[in-house]
Amino acid sequence: MTEAPLVTEATYLHSTRTAYDLVAADYAKLLGDELDTKPFDRAMLALFAELVRTSDTGPVADLGCGPGRVTAHLHGLGLTAFGVDLSPEMVAVARRTHPGLRFEVGSMTALDLPDGALGGVVAWYSTVHTPPELLPLVFAEFHRVTAPGGRLLLAFKAGDERRHLTRAYGHELSLDVYWTPPDQVAELAAGAGFLVEARLIREPDQSERGPQGYFLARKP
């Protein structure tokens, strides 16, 4: 009875890693300056940075960092930030693009970090490839590595569906994308032990196919 979730996890991690290894260079080129056109994104990241600086509870991990654009933005906001990504190719691009910052290969399901090591966790659209039944494991890991008083910030696709991509960023691939109801995100965070502080849902812009969600929580 315990084997099925492990098989599911291995399958989705493999497909996610394979897809992002394939598209890493083109993804970085296409989205490198995306934050310049996303005022809501910048506002939520700025709020998170202010709260983490005030609490002074430790460094921040950008989990699912991709080519490192959000990691670098957090560094620019005055945080000690580093990135972790499942894709070795994404990490290689991040290291080349931001040589002064730290990037590591790793999985959100089993982070190579001590308990309570972080003042903040950012998961910027990085949970969107996780099957819903495995999200409690991911949120539990977020909680484990966050220090008391630390913050969790998520950006996610707000909805309730799965979309399978066969082409993205100029490449043929196979990748599932999950849209998650905001109430479910709040339940997952609360179930892991976080206190919900803020939720924001915005309408899609011309480059997006549905509403986008932001979620901020604190570990008591």
C-alpha atoms as a PDB file:
ATOM      1  CA  MET A   1       0.000   0.000   0.000  1.00  0.00           C
ATOM      2  CA  THR A   2       2.942   2.346   0.526  1.00  0.00           C
ATOM      3  CA  GLU A   3       4.621   1.718  -2.832  1.00  0.00           C
ATOM      4  CA  ALA A   4       2.221   3.494  -5.221  1.00  0.00           C
ATOM      5  CA  PRO A   5       2.968   7.076  -4.068  1.00  0.00           C
ATOM      6  CA  LEU A   6       6.700   6.402  -4.347  1.00  0.00           C
ATOM      7  CA  VAL A   7       6.319   5.179  -7.912  1.00  0.00           C
ATOM      8  CA  THR A   8       4.198   8.227  -8.774  1.00  0.00           C
ATOM      9  CA  GLU A   9       6.778  10.520  -7.226  1.00  0.00           C
ATOM     10  CA  ALA A  10       9.671   8.960  -9.139  1.00  0.00           C
ATOM     11  CA  THR A  11       7.749   9.240 -12.409  1.00  0.00           C
ATOM     12  CA  TYR A  12       6.854  12.905 -12.046  1.00  0.00           C
ATOM     13  CA  LEU A  13      10.325  13.868 -10.839  1.00  0.00           C
ATOM     14  CA  HIS A  14      11.889  12.115 -13.820  1.00  0.00           C
ATOM     15  CA  SER A  15       9.559  13.756 -16.355  1.00  0.00           C
ATOM     16  CA  THR A  16      10.016  17.196 -14.783  1.00  0.00           C
ATOM     17  CA  ARG A  17      13.802  16.908 -14.710  1.00  0.00           C
ATOM     18  CA  THR A  18      13.918  15.637 -18.288  1.00  0.00           C
ATOM     19  CA  ALA A  19      11.702  18.435 -19.595  1.00  0.00           C
ATOM     20  CA  TYR A  20      13.593  21.253 -17.885  1.00  0.00           C
ATOM     21  CA  ASP A  21      17.002  19.843 -18.780  1.00  0.00           C
ATOM     22  CA  LEU A  22      15.828  19.984 -22.392  1.00  0.00           C
ATOM     23  CA  VAL A  23      14.496  23.560 -22.354  1.00  0.00           C
ATOM     24  CA  ALA A  24      16.896  25.168 -19.848  1.00  0.00           C
ATOM     25  CA  ALA A  25      18.821  27.472 -22.197  1.00  0.00           C
ATOM     26  CA  ASP A  26      15.760  28.648 -24.144  1.00  0.00           C
ATOM     27  CA  TYR A  27      13.685  29.034 -20.979  1.00  0.00           C
ATOM     28  CA  ALA A  28      16.340  31.363 -19.568  1.00  0.00           C
ATOM     29  CA  LYS A  29      16.396  33.451 -22.746  1.00  0.00           C
ATOM     30  CA  LEU A  30      12.612  33.732 -22.982  1.00  0.00           C
ATOM     31  CA  LEU A  31      11.896  34.498 -19.313  1.00  0.00           C
ATOM     32  CA  GLY A  32      15.090  36.183 -18.179  1.00  0.00           C
ATOM     33  CA  ASP A  33      13.501  39.634 -17.833  1.00  0.00           C
ATOM     34  CA  GLU A  34       9.920  38.501 -17.115  1.00  0.00           C
ATOM     35  CA  LEU A  35       9.812  40.155 -13.683  1.00  0.00           C
ATOM     36  CA  ASP A  36      10.184  43.536 -15.400  1.00  0.00           C
ATOM     37  CA  THR A  37       6.638  43.111 -16.762  1.00  0.00           C
ATOM     38  CA  LYS A  38       5.069  41.541 -13.636  1.00  0.00           C
ATOM     39  CA  PRO A  39       4.281  44.224 -11.021  1.00  0.00           C
ATOM     40  CA  PHE A  40       2.265  41.840  -8.843  1.00  0.00           C
ATOM     41  CA  ASP A  41       5.186  39.416  -8.768  1.00  0.00           C
ATOM     42  CA  ARG A  42       7.610  42.140  -7.754  1.00  0.00           C
ATOM     43  CA  ALA A  43       5.226  43.431  -5.079  1.00  0.00           C
ATOM     44  CA  MET A  44       4.819  40.006  -3.456  1.00  0.00           C
ATOM     45  CA  LEU A  45       8.545  39.332  -3.543  1.00  0.00           C
ATOM     46  CA  ALA A  46       9.223  42.751  -1.999  1.00  0.00           C
ATOM     47  CA  LEU A  47       6.728  42.098   0.807  1.00  0.00           C
ATOM     48  CA  PHE A  48       8.263  38.703   1.486  1.00  0.00           C
ATOM     49  CA  ALA A  49      11.762  40.217   1.547  1.00  0.00           C
ATOM     50  CA  GLU A  50      10.709  42.917   3.998  1.00  0.00           C
ATOM     51  CA  LEU A  51       9.135  40.392   6.368  1.00  0.00           C
ATOM     52  CA  VAL A  52      12.148  38.072   6.236  1.00  0.00           C
ATOM     53  CA  ARG A  53      14.588  40.928   6.828  1.00  0.00           C
ATOM     54  CA  THR A  54      12.537  42.089   9.813  1.00  0.00           C
ATOM     55  CA  SER A  55      12.369  38.638  11.389  1.00  0.00           C
ATOM     56  CA  ASP A  56      16.095  37.977  10.737  1.00  0.00           C
ATOM     57  CA  THR A  57      15.615  34.210  10.981  1.00  0.00           C
ATOM     58  CA  GLY A  58      18.117  33.020   8.369  1.00  0.00           C
ATOM     59  CA  PRO A  59      18.780  32.714   4.643  1.00  0.00           C
ATOM     60  CA  VAL A  60      16.154  32.144   1.951  1.00  0.00           C
ATOM     61  CA  ALA A  61      15.903  29.211  -0.432  1.00  0.00           C
ATOM     62  CA  ASP A  62      14.356  29.664  -3.881  1.00  0.00           C
ATOM     63  CA  LEU A  63      13.093  26.125  -4.457  1.00  0.00           C
ATOM     64  CA  GLY A  64      12.623  25.218  -8.082  1.00  0.00           C
ATOM     65  CA  CYS A  65      14.807  28.194  -8.961  1.00  0.00           C
ATOM     66  CA  GLY A  66      15.242  27.422 -12.661  1.00  0.00           C
ATOM     67  CA  PRO A  67      17.803  29.782 -14.200  1.00  0.00           C
ATOM     68  CA  GLY A  68      17.973  31.834 -11.012  1.00  0.00           C
ATOM     69  CA  ARG A  69      16.085  35.001 -11.927  1.00  0.00           C
ATOM     70  CA  VAL A  70      13.983  35.039  -8.728  1.00  0.00           C
ATOM     71  CA  THR A  71      17.004  34.076  -6.612  1.00  0.00           C
ATOM     72  CA  ALA A  72      18.908  37.044  -8.033  1.00  0.00           C
ATOM     73  CA  HIS A  73      15.919  39.336  -7.487  1.00  0.00           C
ATOM     74  CA  LEU A  74      15.713  38.281  -3.827  1.00  0.00           C
ATOM     75  CA  HIS A  75      19.442  38.936  -3.466  1.00  0.00           C
ATOM     76  CA  GLY A  76      18.867  42.394  -4.925  1.00  0.00           C
ATOM     77  CA  LEU A  77      16.205  42.976  -2.257  1.00  0.00           C
ATOM     78  CA  GLY A  78      18.811  42.471   0.448  1.00  0.00           C
ATOM     79  CA  LEU A  79      18.304  38.801   1.286  1.00  0.00           C
ATOM     80  CA  THR A  80      20.886  36.048   1.594  1.00  0.00           C
ATOM     81  CA  ALA A  81      19.339  33.818  -1.043  1.00  0.00           C
ATOM     82  CA  PHE A  82      20.318  30.612  -2.792  1.00  0.00           C
ATOM     83  CA  GLY A  83      18.584  28.403  -5.345  1.00  0.00           C
ATOM     84  CA  VAL A  84      17.742  24.713  -5.565  1.00  0.00           C
ATOM     85  CA  ASP A  85      16.441  23.014  -8.688  1.00  0.00           C
ATOM     86  CA  LEU A  86      15.699  19.477  -9.801  1.00  0.00           C
ATOM     87  CA  SER A  87      17.263  20.079 -13.231  1.00  0.00           C
ATOM     88  CA  PRO A  88      21.078  19.992 -13.460  1.00  0.00           C
ATOM     89  CA  GLU A  89      20.909  21.960 -16.714  1.00  0.00           C
ATOM     90  CA  MET A  90      18.860  24.702 -15.068  1.00  0.00           C
ATOM     91  CA  VAL A  91      21.368  24.870 -12.227  1.00  0.00           C
ATOM     92  CA  ALA A  92      24.219  25.105 -14.735  1.00  0.00           C
ATOM     93  CA  VAL A  93      22.504  28.031 -16.486  1.00  0.00           C
ATOM     94  CA  ALA A  94      21.858  29.737 -13.128  1.00  0.00           C
ATOM     95  CA  ARG A  95      25.493  29.382 -12.091  1.00  0.00           C
ATOM     96  CA  ARG A  96      26.722  30.856 -15.379  1.00  0.00           C
ATOM     97  CA  THR A  97      24.228  33.715 -15.289  1.00  0.00           C
ATOM     98  CA  HIS A  98      24.671  34.578 -11.606  1.00  0.00           C
ATOM     99  CA  PRO A  99      28.205  33.435 -10.680  1.00  0.00           C
ATOM    100  CA  GLY A 100      28.159  35.249  -7.345  1.00  0.00           C
ATOM    101  CA  LEU A 101      25.179  33.263  -6.034  1.00  0.00           C
ATOM    102  CA  ARG A 102      24.811  29.694  -4.797  1.00  0.00           C
ATOM    103  CA  PHE A 103      22.790  27.125  -6.737  1.00  0.00           C
ATOM    104  CA  GLU A 104      22.375  23.419  -6.005  1.00  0.00           C
ATOM    105  CA  VAL A 105      20.683  20.417  -7.582  1.00  0.00           C
ATOM    106  CA  GLY A 106      18.000  18.991  -5.306  1.00  0.00           C
ATOM    107  CA  SER A 107      14.368  17.991  -4.865  1.00  0.00           C
ATOM    108  CA  MET A 108      11.668  19.764  -2.873  1.00  0.00           C
ATOM    109  CA  THR A 109      10.555  16.377  -1.587  1.00  0.00           C
ATOM    110  CA  ALA A 110      13.855  15.720   0.226  1.00  0.00           C
ATOM    111  CA  LEU A 111      15.990  18.827   0.747  1.00  0.00           C
ATOM    112  CA  ASP A 112      19.580  18.451   1.883  1.00  0.00           C
ATOM    113  CA  LEU A 113      19.069  21.016   4.644  1.00  0.00           C
ATOM    114  CA  PRO A 114      18.879  20.780   8.444  1.00  0.00           C
ATOM    115  CA  ASP A 115      15.601  21.324  10.260  1.00  0.00           C
ATOM    116  CA  GLY A 116      14.822  25.032  10.717  1.00  0.00           C
ATOM    117  CA  ALA A 117      17.737  26.167   8.551  1.00  0.00           C
ATOM    118  CA  LEU A 118      15.854  28.830   6.568  1.00  0.00           C
ATOM    119  CA  GLY A 119      14.348  32.203   7.325  1.00  0.00           C
ATOM    120  CA  GLY A 120      12.204  31.858   4.228  1.00  0.00           C
ATOM    121  CA  VAL A 121      11.155  29.503   1.439  1.00  0.00           C
ATOM    122  CA  VAL A 122      10.060  30.681  -2.002  1.00  0.00           C
ATOM    123  CA  ALA A 123       8.337  28.247  -4.363  1.00  0.00           C
ATOM    124  CA  TRP A 124       7.713  30.356  -7.459  1.00  0.00           C
ATOM    125  CA  TYR A 125       5.469  28.231  -9.668  1.00  0.00           C
ATOM    126  CA  SER A 126       7.641  25.276  -8.682  1.00  0.00           C
ATOM    127  CA  THR A 127       4.836  23.162  -7.209  1.00  0.00           C
ATOM    128  CA  VAL A 128       2.828  23.216 -10.450  1.00  0.00           C
ATOM    129  CA  HIS A 129       4.283  19.910 -11.681  1.00  0.00           C
ATOM    130  CA  THR A 130       3.648  18.037  -8.423  1.00  0.00           C
ATOM    131  CA  PRO A 131       0.684  15.624  -8.483  1.00  0.00           C
ATOM    132  CA  PRO A 132      -1.928  16.815  -5.948  1.00  0.00           C
ATOM    133  CA  GLU A 133      -1.657  13.680  -3.825  1.00  0.00           C
ATOM    134  CA  LEU A 134       2.040  14.415  -3.217  1.00  0.00           C
ATOM    135  CA  LEU A 135       1.677  18.070  -2.244  1.00  0.00           C
ATOM    136  CA  PRO A 136       1.360  17.301   1.513  1.00  0.00           C
ATOM    137  CA  LEU A 137       4.860  15.795   1.364  1.00  0.00           C
ATOM    138  CA  VAL A 138       6.210  18.954  -0.285  1.00  0.00           C
ATOM    139  CA  PHE A 139       4.548  21.305   2.218  1.00  0.00           C
ATOM    140  CA  ALA A 140       5.808  19.177   5.107  1.00  0.00           C
ATOM    141  CA  GLU A 141       9.340  19.574   3.750  1.00  0.00           C
ATOM    142  CA  PHE A 142       8.847  23.344   3.430  1.00  0.00           C
ATOM    143  CA  HIS A 143       7.812  23.414   7.084  1.00  0.00           C
ATOM    144  CA  ARG A 144      10.697  21.214   8.233  1.00  0.00           C
ATOM    145  CA  VAL A 145      13.423  23.440   6.781  1.00  0.00           C
ATOM    146  CA  THR A 146      11.829  26.765   7.830  1.00  0.00           C
ATOM    147  CA  ALA A 147      12.852  28.307  11.138  1.00  0.00           C
ATOM    148  CA  PRO A 148      10.192  29.449  13.633  1.00  0.00           C
ATOM    149  CA  GLY A 149       9.123  32.915  12.517  1.00  0.00           C
ATOM    150  CA  GLY A 150      10.210  32.210   8.941  1.00  0.00           C
ATOM    151  CA  ARG A 151       8.037  32.763   5.881  1.00  0.00           C
ATOM    152  CA  LEU A 152       6.721  30.710   2.980  1.00  0.00           C
ATOM    153  CA  LEU A 153       5.851  32.409  -0.330  1.00  0.00           C
ATOM    154  CA  LEU A 154       4.238  30.572  -3.221  1.00  0.00           C
ATOM    155  CA  ALA A 155       3.193  31.604  -6.693  1.00  0.00           C
ATOM    156  CA  PHE A 156       0.898  29.099  -8.386  1.00  0.00           C
ATOM    157  CA  LYS A 157      -1.702  28.624 -11.099  1.00  0.00           C
ATOM    158  CA  ALA A 158      -5.123  29.094  -9.527  1.00  0.00           C
ATOM    159  CA  GLY A 159      -7.760  26.630 -10.670  1.00  0.00           C
ATOM    160  CA  ASP A 160      -8.583  22.940 -10.581  1.00  0.00           C
ATOM    161  CA  GLU A 161      -7.277  20.998 -13.553  1.00  0.00           C
ATOM    162  CA  ARG A 162      -4.325  19.191 -15.093  1.00  0.00           C
ATOM    163  CA  ARG A 163      -2.896  20.204 -18.439  1.00  0.00           C
ATOM    164  CA  HIS A 164      -0.420  18.043 -20.321  1.00  0.00           C
ATOM    165  CA  LEU A 165       2.183  19.916 -22.346  1.00  0.00           C
ATOM    166  CA  THR A 166       3.712  18.331 -25.423  1.00  0.00           C
ATOM    167  CA  ARG A 167       5.564  21.442 -26.568  1.00  0.00           C
ATOM    168  CA  ALA A 168       6.978  24.411 -24.649  1.00  0.00           C
ATOM    169  CA  TYR A 169       9.827  26.909 -24.973  1.00  0.00           C
ATOM    170  CA  GLY A 170      10.485  25.740 -28.521  1.00  0.00           C
ATOM    171  CA  HIS A 171      10.863  22.031 -27.700  1.00  0.00           C
ATOM    172  CA  GLU A 172       8.827  18.843 -27.888  1.00  0.00           C
ATOM    173  CA  LEU A 173       8.396  17.438 -24.363  1.00  0.00           C
ATOM    174  CA  SER A 174       6.028  15.688 -21.973  1.00  0.00           C
ATOM    175  CA  LEU A 175       5.078  17.583 -18.824  1.00  0.00           C
ATOM    176  CA  ASP A 176       2.007  17.839 -16.617  1.00  0.00           C
ATOM    177  CA  VAL A 177       0.957  21.215 -15.188  1.00  0.00           C
ATOM    178  CA  TYR A 178      -1.481  21.332 -12.272  1.00  0.00           C
ATOM    179  CA  TRP A 179      -3.787  24.259 -11.459  1.00  0.00           C
ATOM    180  CA  THR A 180      -4.564  24.268  -7.733  1.00  0.00           C
ATOM    181  CA  PRO A 181      -7.585  25.782  -5.926  1.00  0.00           C
ATOM    182  CA  PRO A 182      -6.463  28.577  -3.542  1.00  0.00           C
ATOM    183  CA  ASP A 183      -8.416  27.020  -0.673  1.00  0.00           C
ATOM    184  CA  GLN A 184      -6.511  23.790  -1.177  1.00  0.00           C
ATOM    185  CA  VAL A 185      -3.177  25.638  -1.000  1.00  0.00           C
ATOM    186  CA  ALA A 186      -4.288  27.216   2.281  1.00  0.00           C
ATOM    187  CA  GLU A 187      -5.337  23.821   3.644  1.00  0.00           C
ATOM    188  CA  LEU A 188      -2.025  22.259   2.662  1.00  0.00           C
ATOM    189  CA  ALA A 189      -0.050  25.029   4.345  1.00  0.00           C
ATOM    190  CA  ALA A 190      -2.155  24.913   7.506  1.00  0.00           C
ATOM    191  CA  GLY A 191      -1.961  21.133   7.573  1.00  0.00           C
ATOM    192  CA  ALA A 192       1.829  21.330   7.481  1.00  0.00           C
ATOM    193  CA  GLY A 193       1.842  23.765  10.418  1.00  0.00           C
ATOM    194  CA  PHE A 194       2.013  27.190   8.754  1.00  0.00           C
ATOM    195  CA  LEU A 195      -0.170  30.164   9.662  1.00  0.00           C
ATOM    196  CA  VAL A 196      -1.767  31.766   6.625  1.00  0.00           C
ATOM    197  CA  GLU A 197      -0.993  35.491   6.361  1.00  0.00           C
ATOM    198  CA  ALA A 198      -2.167  36.556   2.896  1.00  0.00           C
ATOM    199  CA  ARG A 199      -3.677  35.291  -0.343  1.00  0.00           C
ATOM    200  CA  LEU A 200      -3.955  37.128  -3.643  1.00  0.00           C
ATOM    201  CA  ILE A 201      -5.560  35.957  -6.877  1.00  0.00           C
ATOM    202  CA  ARG A 202      -5.136  38.061 -10.006  1.00  0.00           C
ATOM    203  CA  GLU A 203      -6.600  37.814 -13.474  1.00  0.00           C
ATOM    204  CA  PRO A 204      -4.344  36.504 -16.260  1.00  0.00           C
ATOM    205  CA  ASP A 205      -2.370  38.854 -18.435  1.00  0.00           C
ATOM    206  CA  GLN A 206      -2.085  38.405 -22.212  1.00  0.00           C
ATOM    207  CA  SER A 207       0.635  35.761 -21.872  1.00  0.00           C
ATOM    208  CA  GLU A 208      -1.273  33.584 -19.384  1.00  0.00           C
ATOM    209  CA  ARG A 209      -4.105  31.078 -19.717  1.00  0.00           C
ATOM    210  CA  GLY A 210      -5.797  31.514 -16.353  1.00  0.00           C
ATOM    211  CA  PRO A 211      -5.782  33.198 -12.927  1.00  0.00           C
ATOM    212  CA  GLN A 212      -2.535  33.363 -10.967  1.00  0.00           C
ATOM    213  CA  GLY A 213      -2.243  32.937  -7.206  1.00  0.00           C
ATOM    214  CA  TYR A 214       0.140  34.185  -4.517  1.00  0.00           C
ATOM    215  CA  PHE A 215       0.242  32.783  -1.020  1.00  0.00           C
ATOM    216  CA  LEU A 216       2.155  33.964   2.064  1.00  0.00           C
ATOM    217  CA  ALA A 217       2.414  32.085   5.367  1.00  0.00           C
ATOM    218  CA  ARG A 218       4.492  32.066   8.549  1.00  0.00           C
ATOM    219  CA  LYS A 219       5.852  29.227  10.657  1.00  0.00           C
ATOM    220  CA  PRO A 220       4.889  29.937  14.296  1.00  0.00           C
END
